[in-house]
Amino acid sequence: MSEPADDVRERRGRGLDRAISFSDAVMSIALTLLVLPLVNIATDNPEEPVVHQLGRFSPEILGFLVSFLVIAQFWGAHRRLWEYLVDYDETLLTINTFWLLLIVFLPYPTARLFTEEATNDGAAIFYLLVLLGIGLLMLFEAWYVAVHPRLRHAGDRRSLREQLLPTVGTTGVFALAILLTLVNREVGLVSLVLLVLVQRFQRQVRPSRRQPRRETRP
């Protein structure tokens, strides 16, 4: 005897809610882990004045801030993508799992970037390659959702361009930063500020109409 359609939708809805909650939890843990090196610095040097400590460990503090802001931006992009979903499949979950893997891994290349010599281009390129990998996986995830309308709310009328534009812009900035880093390390890293401009542009071209949201189930 087949399962009633309403029961199937409810079960699939609970599964989607769990997948979203799992992704949010992983990103929250990744953000939390970023601060642990700073806690170790504070506890290992309790007698050192705060001002001196902030100056001596400014690379580590800067690394924390950069990684926090980057992961927070990725979390926002992930939230905007998944808020249109009403269903999922194993392929989407697999893509999302690899994306989360790189998110959790990001603190490592960030630590290497801000603790090695400024003349070391390898650490900067490694860091940017990880960011590019995260961006490409997010782009792949957005494309997969776009070409499988059964996963999205029936009221989602966005074009393929509108669905891919946010991740295309972000990924393009990472690719440009890598190319610039091959010429000049500082210029390549500073070019990441273009992410702010990309976000502002995306908000301006975003459709003004509100799309139906997925129903909240008890």
C-alpha atoms as a PDB file:
ATOM      1  CA  MET A   1       0.000   0.000   0.000  1.00  0.00           C
ATOM      2  CA  SER A   2       1.467   3.344  -1.082  1.00  0.00           C
ATOM      3  CA  GLU A   3       1.996   6.138   1.396  1.00  0.00           C
ATOM      4  CA  PRO A   4      -0.600   8.976   1.184  1.00  0.00           C
ATOM      5  CA  ALA A   5       0.629  12.033  -0.700  1.00  0.00           C
ATOM      6  CA  ASP A   6       0.077  14.335   2.279  1.00  0.00           C
ATOM      7  CA  ASP A   7       2.163  12.062   4.499  1.00  0.00           C
ATOM      8  CA  VAL A   8       4.942  11.983   1.904  1.00  0.00           C
ATOM      9  CA  ARG A   9       5.014  15.796   1.657  1.00  0.00           C
ATOM     10  CA  GLU A  10       5.062  16.127   5.437  1.00  0.00           C
ATOM     11  CA  ARG A  11       7.893  13.612   5.777  1.00  0.00           C
ATOM     12  CA  ARG A  12       9.903  15.247   3.005  1.00  0.00           C
ATOM     13  CA  GLY A  13       9.286  18.638   4.597  1.00  0.00           C
ATOM     14  CA  ARG A  14      10.707  17.415   7.901  1.00  0.00           C
ATOM     15  CA  GLY A  15      13.736  16.057   6.064  1.00  0.00           C
ATOM     16  CA  LEU A  16      14.308  19.400   4.356  1.00  0.00           C
ATOM     17  CA  ASP A  17      14.007  21.226   7.679  1.00  0.00           C
ATOM     18  CA  ARG A  18      16.612  18.885   9.165  1.00  0.00           C
ATOM     19  CA  ALA A  19      18.989  19.476   6.240  1.00  0.00           C
ATOM     20  CA  ILE A  20      18.690  23.251   6.652  1.00  0.00           C
ATOM     21  CA  SER A  21      19.139  23.036  10.417  1.00  0.00           C
ATOM     22  CA  PHE A  22      22.202  20.820   9.953  1.00  0.00           C
ATOM     23  CA  SER A  23      23.775  23.302   7.532  1.00  0.00           C
ATOM     24  CA  ASP A  24      23.090  26.211   9.888  1.00  0.00           C
ATOM     25  CA  ALA A  25      24.597  24.261  12.789  1.00  0.00           C
ATOM     26  CA  VAL A  26      27.772  23.407  10.847  1.00  0.00           C
ATOM     27  CA  MET A  27      28.279  27.044   9.862  1.00  0.00           C
ATOM     28  CA  SER A  28      27.627  28.169  13.430  1.00  0.00           C
ATOM     29  CA  ILE A  29      30.260  25.738  14.690  1.00  0.00           C
ATOM     30  CA  ALA A  30      32.727  26.917  12.047  1.00  0.00           C
ATOM     31  CA  LEU A  31      32.178  30.521  13.118  1.00  0.00           C
ATOM     32  CA  THR A  32      32.613  29.593  16.771  1.00  0.00           C
ATOM     33  CA  LEU A  33      35.831  27.659  16.169  1.00  0.00           C
ATOM     34  CA  LEU A  34      37.397  30.736  14.600  1.00  0.00           C
ATOM     35  CA  VAL A  35      37.673  32.457  17.964  1.00  0.00           C
ATOM     36  CA  LEU A  36      39.400  29.588  19.787  1.00  0.00           C
ATOM     37  CA  PRO A  37      42.956  30.642  18.760  1.00  0.00           C
ATOM     38  CA  LEU A  38      42.230  34.113  20.154  1.00  0.00           C
ATOM     39  CA  VAL A  39      41.050  32.571  23.423  1.00  0.00           C
ATOM     40  CA  ASN A  40      44.308  30.630  23.622  1.00  0.00           C
ATOM     41  CA  ILE A  41      46.286  33.839  23.060  1.00  0.00           C
ATOM     42  CA  ALA A  42      44.437  35.556  25.903  1.00  0.00           C
ATOM     43  CA  THR A  43      44.829  32.667  28.361  1.00  0.00           C
ATOM     44  CA  ASP A  44      48.479  32.001  27.524  1.00  0.00           C
ATOM     45  CA  ASN A  45      49.432  35.638  28.131  1.00  0.00           C
ATOM     46  CA  PRO A  46      47.216  36.764  31.027  1.00  0.00           C
ATOM     47  CA  GLU A  47      49.736  39.294  32.368  1.00  0.00           C
ATOM     48  CA  GLU A  48      50.259  41.087  29.065  1.00  0.00           C
ATOM     49  CA  PRO A  49      48.354  44.392  28.672  1.00  0.00           C
ATOM     50  CA  VAL A  50      45.411  44.153  26.316  1.00  0.00           C
ATOM     51  CA  VAL A  51      46.703  46.959  24.093  1.00  0.00           C
ATOM     52  CA  HIS A  52      50.071  45.228  23.634  1.00  0.00           C
ATOM     53  CA  GLN A  53      48.375  41.915  22.992  1.00  0.00           C
ATOM     54  CA  LEU A  54      46.082  43.381  20.352  1.00  0.00           C
ATOM     55  CA  GLY A  55      49.074  44.902  18.574  1.00  0.00           C
ATOM     56  CA  ARG A  56      51.282  41.813  18.778  1.00  0.00           C
ATOM     57  CA  PHE A  57      48.604  39.430  17.562  1.00  0.00           C
ATOM     58  CA  SER A  58      46.918  41.738  15.059  1.00  0.00           C
ATOM     59  CA  PRO A  59      47.448  39.240  12.163  1.00  0.00           C
ATOM     60  CA  GLU A  60      45.535  36.555  14.062  1.00  0.00           C
ATOM     61  CA  ILE A  61      42.759  38.996  14.956  1.00  0.00           C
ATOM     62  CA  LEU A  62      42.530  40.183  11.362  1.00  0.00           C
ATOM     63  CA  GLY A  63      42.350  36.567  10.204  1.00  0.00           C
ATOM     64  CA  PHE A  64      39.474  35.929  12.582  1.00  0.00           C
ATOM     65  CA  LEU A  65      37.539  38.955  11.334  1.00  0.00           C
ATOM     66  CA  VAL A  66      38.051  38.115   7.655  1.00  0.00           C
ATOM     67  CA  SER A  67      37.032  34.478   8.040  1.00  0.00           C
ATOM     68  CA  PHE A  68      34.014  35.395  10.157  1.00  0.00           C
ATOM     69  CA  LEU A  69      32.743  37.884   7.591  1.00  0.00           C
ATOM     70  CA  VAL A  70      33.375  35.528   4.658  1.00  0.00           C
ATOM     71  CA  ILE A  71      31.596  32.578   6.298  1.00  0.00           C
ATOM     72  CA  ALA A  72      28.736  34.854   7.346  1.00  0.00           C
ATOM     73  CA  GLN A  73      28.369  35.976   3.739  1.00  0.00           C
ATOM     74  CA  PHE A  74      28.296  32.383   2.533  1.00  0.00           C
ATOM     75  CA  TRP A  75      25.676  31.583   5.154  1.00  0.00           C
ATOM     76  CA  GLY A  76      23.505  34.394   3.813  1.00  0.00           C
ATOM     77  CA  ALA A  77      23.866  33.107   0.243  1.00  0.00           C
ATOM     78  CA  HIS A  78      22.987  29.597   1.381  1.00  0.00           C
ATOM     79  CA  ARG A  79      19.926  30.842   3.254  1.00  0.00           C
ATOM     80  CA  ARG A  80      18.655  32.796   0.243  1.00  0.00           C
ATOM     81  CA  LEU A  81      19.090  29.737  -1.975  1.00  0.00           C
ATOM     82  CA  TRP A  82      17.404  27.222   0.310  1.00  0.00           C
ATOM     83  CA  GLU A  83      14.459  29.420   1.322  1.00  0.00           C
ATOM     84  CA  TYR A  84      12.875  28.699  -2.084  1.00  0.00           C
ATOM     85  CA  LEU A  85      13.065  24.906  -1.675  1.00  0.00           C
ATOM     86  CA  VAL A  86      10.137  22.638  -0.899  1.00  0.00           C
ATOM     87  CA  ASP A  87      11.959  19.359  -1.533  1.00  0.00           C
ATOM     88  CA  TYR A  88      15.452  17.878  -1.873  1.00  0.00           C
ATOM     89  CA  ASP A  89      17.260  14.850  -3.267  1.00  0.00           C
ATOM     90  CA  GLU A  90      20.459  12.973  -2.492  1.00  0.00           C
ATOM     91  CA  THR A  91      22.456  14.805  -5.169  1.00  0.00           C
ATOM     92  CA  LEU A  92      21.639  18.180  -3.644  1.00  0.00           C
ATOM     93  CA  LEU A  93      22.558  16.913  -0.181  1.00  0.00           C
ATOM     94  CA  THR A  94      25.868  15.572  -1.504  1.00  0.00           C
ATOM     95  CA  ILE A  95      26.785  18.907  -3.108  1.00  0.00           C
ATOM     96  CA  ASN A  96      25.834  20.685   0.110  1.00  0.00           C
ATOM     97  CA  THR A  97      27.943  18.282   2.195  1.00  0.00           C
ATOM     98  CA  PHE A  98      31.094  19.025   0.201  1.00  0.00           C
ATOM     99  CA  TRP A  99      30.295  22.743   0.443  1.00  0.00           C
ATOM    100  CA  LEU A 100      30.049  22.457   4.232  1.00  0.00           C
ATOM    101  CA  LEU A 101      33.340  20.537   4.272  1.00  0.00           C
ATOM    102  CA  LEU A 102      35.172  23.501   2.758  1.00  0.00           C
ATOM    103  CA  ILE A 103      33.368  25.911   5.079  1.00  0.00           C
ATOM    104  CA  VAL A 104      34.642  24.009   8.108  1.00  0.00           C
ATOM    105  CA  PHE A 105      38.131  23.771   6.559  1.00  0.00           C
ATOM    106  CA  LEU A 106      38.398  27.524   5.874  1.00  0.00           C
ATOM    107  CA  PRO A 107      39.866  28.497   9.293  1.00  0.00           C
ATOM    108  CA  TYR A 108      43.025  26.520   8.479  1.00  0.00           C
ATOM    109  CA  PRO A 109      44.090  28.407   5.321  1.00  0.00           C
ATOM    110  CA  THR A 110      43.010  31.623   7.024  1.00  0.00           C
ATOM    111  CA  ALA A 111      45.371  30.937   9.928  1.00  0.00           C
ATOM    112  CA  ARG A 112      48.218  30.185   7.510  1.00  0.00           C
ATOM    113  CA  LEU A 113      47.508  33.350   5.543  1.00  0.00           C
ATOM    114  CA  PHE A 114      47.691  35.742   8.483  1.00  0.00           C
ATOM    115  CA  THR A 115      50.552  34.139  10.392  1.00  0.00           C
ATOM    116  CA  GLU A 116      53.091  33.563   7.606  1.00  0.00           C
ATOM    117  CA  GLU A 117      55.403  36.122   6.088  1.00  0.00           C
ATOM    118  CA  ALA A 118      53.769  38.763   3.918  1.00  0.00           C
ATOM    119  CA  THR A 119      56.084  37.733   1.057  1.00  0.00           C
ATOM    120  CA  ASN A 120      54.653  34.207   0.999  1.00  0.00           C
ATOM    121  CA  ASP A 121      52.295  34.155  -1.975  1.00  0.00           C
ATOM    122  CA  GLY A 122      51.588  30.443  -1.542  1.00  0.00           C
ATOM    123  CA  ALA A 123      49.533  30.930   1.603  1.00  0.00           C
ATOM    124  CA  ALA A 124      47.445  33.665  -0.037  1.00  0.00           C
ATOM    125  CA  ILE A 125      46.771  31.597  -3.159  1.00  0.00           C
ATOM    126  CA  PHE A 126      45.880  28.568  -1.032  1.00  0.00           C
ATOM    127  CA  TYR A 127      43.406  30.669   0.948  1.00  0.00           C
ATOM    128  CA  LEU A 128      41.835  32.110  -2.199  1.00  0.00           C
ATOM    129  CA  LEU A 129      41.639  28.680  -3.843  1.00  0.00           C
ATOM    130  CA  VAL A 130      39.603  27.411  -0.902  1.00  0.00           C
ATOM    131  CA  LEU A 131      37.302  30.424  -1.230  1.00  0.00           C
ATOM    132  CA  LEU A 132      37.006  29.758  -4.955  1.00  0.00           C
ATOM    133  CA  GLY A 133      36.133  26.125  -4.243  1.00  0.00           C
ATOM    134  CA  ILE A 134      33.393  27.218  -1.842  1.00  0.00           C
ATOM    135  CA  GLY A 135      32.069  29.665  -4.432  1.00  0.00           C
ATOM    136  CA  LEU A 136      32.088  27.060  -7.216  1.00  0.00           C
ATOM    137  CA  LEU A 137      30.238  24.529  -5.082  1.00  0.00           C
ATOM    138  CA  MET A 138      27.657  27.151  -4.193  1.00  0.00           C
ATOM    139  CA  LEU A 139      27.317  27.983  -7.896  1.00  0.00           C
ATOM    140  CA  PHE A 140      26.923  24.291  -8.725  1.00  0.00           C
ATOM    141  CA  GLU A 141      24.293  23.987  -5.999  1.00  0.00           C
ATOM    142  CA  ALA A 142      22.391  27.022  -7.311  1.00  0.00           C
ATOM    143  CA  TRP A 143      22.529  25.648 -10.876  1.00  0.00           C
ATOM    144  CA  TYR A 144      21.268  22.245  -9.731  1.00  0.00           C
ATOM    145  CA  VAL A 145      18.317  23.837  -7.944  1.00  0.00           C
ATOM    146  CA  ALA A 146      17.609  26.053 -10.969  1.00  0.00           C
ATOM    147  CA  VAL A 147      17.413  23.139 -13.431  1.00  0.00           C
ATOM    148  CA  HIS A 148      15.267  21.023 -11.106  1.00  0.00           C
ATOM    149  CA  PRO A 149      12.105  23.117 -10.609  1.00  0.00           C
ATOM    150  CA  ARG A 150      10.420  20.254  -8.723  1.00  0.00           C
ATOM    151  CA  LEU A 151      12.664  21.144  -5.783  1.00  0.00           C
ATOM    152  CA  ARG A 152      11.441  24.756  -5.673  1.00  0.00           C
ATOM    153  CA  HIS A 153       8.215  26.402  -4.644  1.00  0.00           C
ATOM    154  CA  ALA A 154       5.668  26.453  -7.461  1.00  0.00           C
ATOM    155  CA  GLY A 155       5.461  30.247  -7.186  1.00  0.00           C
ATOM    156  CA  ASP A 156       9.181  30.735  -7.849  1.00  0.00           C
ATOM    157  CA  ARG A 157       9.237  32.370 -11.277  1.00  0.00           C
ATOM    158  CA  ARG A 158      12.843  33.544 -11.286  1.00  0.00           C
ATOM    159  CA  SER A 159      14.839  33.048 -14.464  1.00  0.00           C
ATOM    160  CA  LEU A 160      18.032  30.993 -14.566  1.00  0.00           C
ATOM    161  CA  ARG A 161      20.030  34.234 -14.682  1.00  0.00           C
ATOM    162  CA  GLU A 162      18.334  35.590 -11.574  1.00  0.00           C
ATOM    163  CA  GLN A 163      19.049  32.376  -9.696  1.00  0.00           C
ATOM    164  CA  LEU A 164      22.713  32.113 -10.663  1.00  0.00           C
ATOM    165  CA  LEU A 165      23.706  35.800 -10.635  1.00  0.00           C
ATOM    166  CA  PRO A 166      24.443  36.051  -6.868  1.00  0.00           C
ATOM    167  CA  THR A 167      26.908  33.136  -6.867  1.00  0.00           C
ATOM    168  CA  VAL A 168      28.427  34.002 -10.258  1.00  0.00           C
ATOM    169  CA  GLY A 169      29.428  37.449  -8.999  1.00  0.00           C
ATOM    170  CA  THR A 170      30.957  36.145  -5.773  1.00  0.00           C
ATOM    171  CA  THR A 171      32.865  33.344  -7.514  1.00  0.00           C
ATOM    172  CA  GLY A 172      34.134  35.798 -10.113  1.00  0.00           C
ATOM    173  CA  VAL A 173      35.630  37.994  -7.392  1.00  0.00           C
ATOM    174  CA  PHE A 174      37.533  35.021  -5.955  1.00  0.00           C
ATOM    175  CA  ALA A 175      38.886  34.060  -9.389  1.00  0.00           C
ATOM    176  CA  LEU A 176      39.985  37.663 -10.019  1.00  0.00           C
ATOM    177  CA  ALA A 177      41.674  37.807  -6.606  1.00  0.00           C
ATOM    178  CA  ILE A 178      43.726  34.710  -7.449  1.00  0.00           C
ATOM    179  CA  LEU A 179      44.917  36.226 -10.724  1.00  0.00           C
ATOM    180  CA  LEU A 180      45.837  39.496  -9.026  1.00  0.00           C
ATOM    181  CA  THR A 181      47.663  37.650  -6.237  1.00  0.00           C
ATOM    182  CA  LEU A 182      49.929  36.045  -8.831  1.00  0.00           C
ATOM    183  CA  VAL A 183      51.052  39.587  -9.649  1.00  0.00           C
ATOM    184  CA  ASN A 184      50.886  41.199  -6.205  1.00  0.00           C
ATOM    185  CA  ARG A 185      49.829  39.518  -2.961  1.00  0.00           C
ATOM    186  CA  GLU A 186      48.443  42.627  -1.284  1.00  0.00           C
ATOM    187  CA  VAL A 187      46.463  43.740  -4.336  1.00  0.00           C
ATOM    188  CA  GLY A 188      44.940  40.291  -4.682  1.00  0.00           C
ATOM    189  CA  LEU A 189      43.769  40.149  -1.079  1.00  0.00           C
ATOM    190  CA  VAL A 190      42.504  43.733  -1.050  1.00  0.00           C
ATOM    191  CA  SER A 191      40.433  42.971  -4.139  1.00  0.00           C
ATOM    192  CA  LEU A 192      38.149  40.901  -1.914  1.00  0.00           C
ATOM    193  CA  VAL A 193      36.484  44.177  -0.936  1.00  0.00           C
ATOM    194  CA  LEU A 194      34.787  43.922  -4.329  1.00  0.00           C
ATOM    195  CA  LEU A 195      32.453  41.442  -2.640  1.00  0.00           C
ATOM    196  CA  VAL A 196      30.725  44.414  -1.008  1.00  0.00           C
ATOM    197  CA  LEU A 197      30.122  46.041  -4.385  1.00  0.00           C
ATOM    198  CA  VAL A 198      28.890  42.761  -5.845  1.00  0.00           C
ATOM    199  CA  GLN A 199      26.393  42.378  -3.024  1.00  0.00           C
ATOM    200  CA  ARG A 200      25.071  45.918  -3.519  1.00  0.00           C
ATOM    201  CA  PHE A 201      24.682  45.320  -7.252  1.00  0.00           C
ATOM    202  CA  GLN A 202      22.839  42.059  -6.625  1.00  0.00           C
ATOM    203  CA  ARG A 203      20.393  43.781  -4.286  1.00  0.00           C
ATOM    204  CA  GLN A 204      19.665  46.392  -6.942  1.00  0.00           C
ATOM    205  CA  VAL A 205      18.906  43.865  -9.691  1.00  0.00           C
ATOM    206  CA  ARG A 206      17.001  41.483  -7.435  1.00  0.00           C
ATOM    207  CA  PRO A 207      13.331  41.228  -8.446  1.00  0.00           C
ATOM    208  CA  SER A 208      11.150  43.445  -6.290  1.00  0.00           C
ATOM    209  CA  ARG A 209       8.308  40.936  -6.097  1.00  0.00           C
ATOM    210  CA  ARG A 210       8.271  38.657  -3.104  1.00  0.00           C
ATOM    211  CA  GLN A 211       8.270  34.969  -3.867  1.00  0.00           C
ATOM    212  CA  PRO A 212       6.091  32.567  -1.866  1.00  0.00           C
ATOM    213  CA  ARG A 213       7.991  31.002   0.984  1.00  0.00           C
ATOM    214  CA  ARG A 214       7.926  27.381   1.956  1.00  0.00           C
ATOM    215  CA  GLU A 215       5.177  26.599   4.411  1.00  0.00           C
ATOM    216  CA  THR A 216       6.292  26.083   7.999  1.00  0.00           C
ATOM    217  CA  ARG A 217       5.343  22.735   9.342  1.00  0.00           C
ATOM    218  CA  PRO A 218       4.824  22.013  13.029  1.00  0.00           C
END
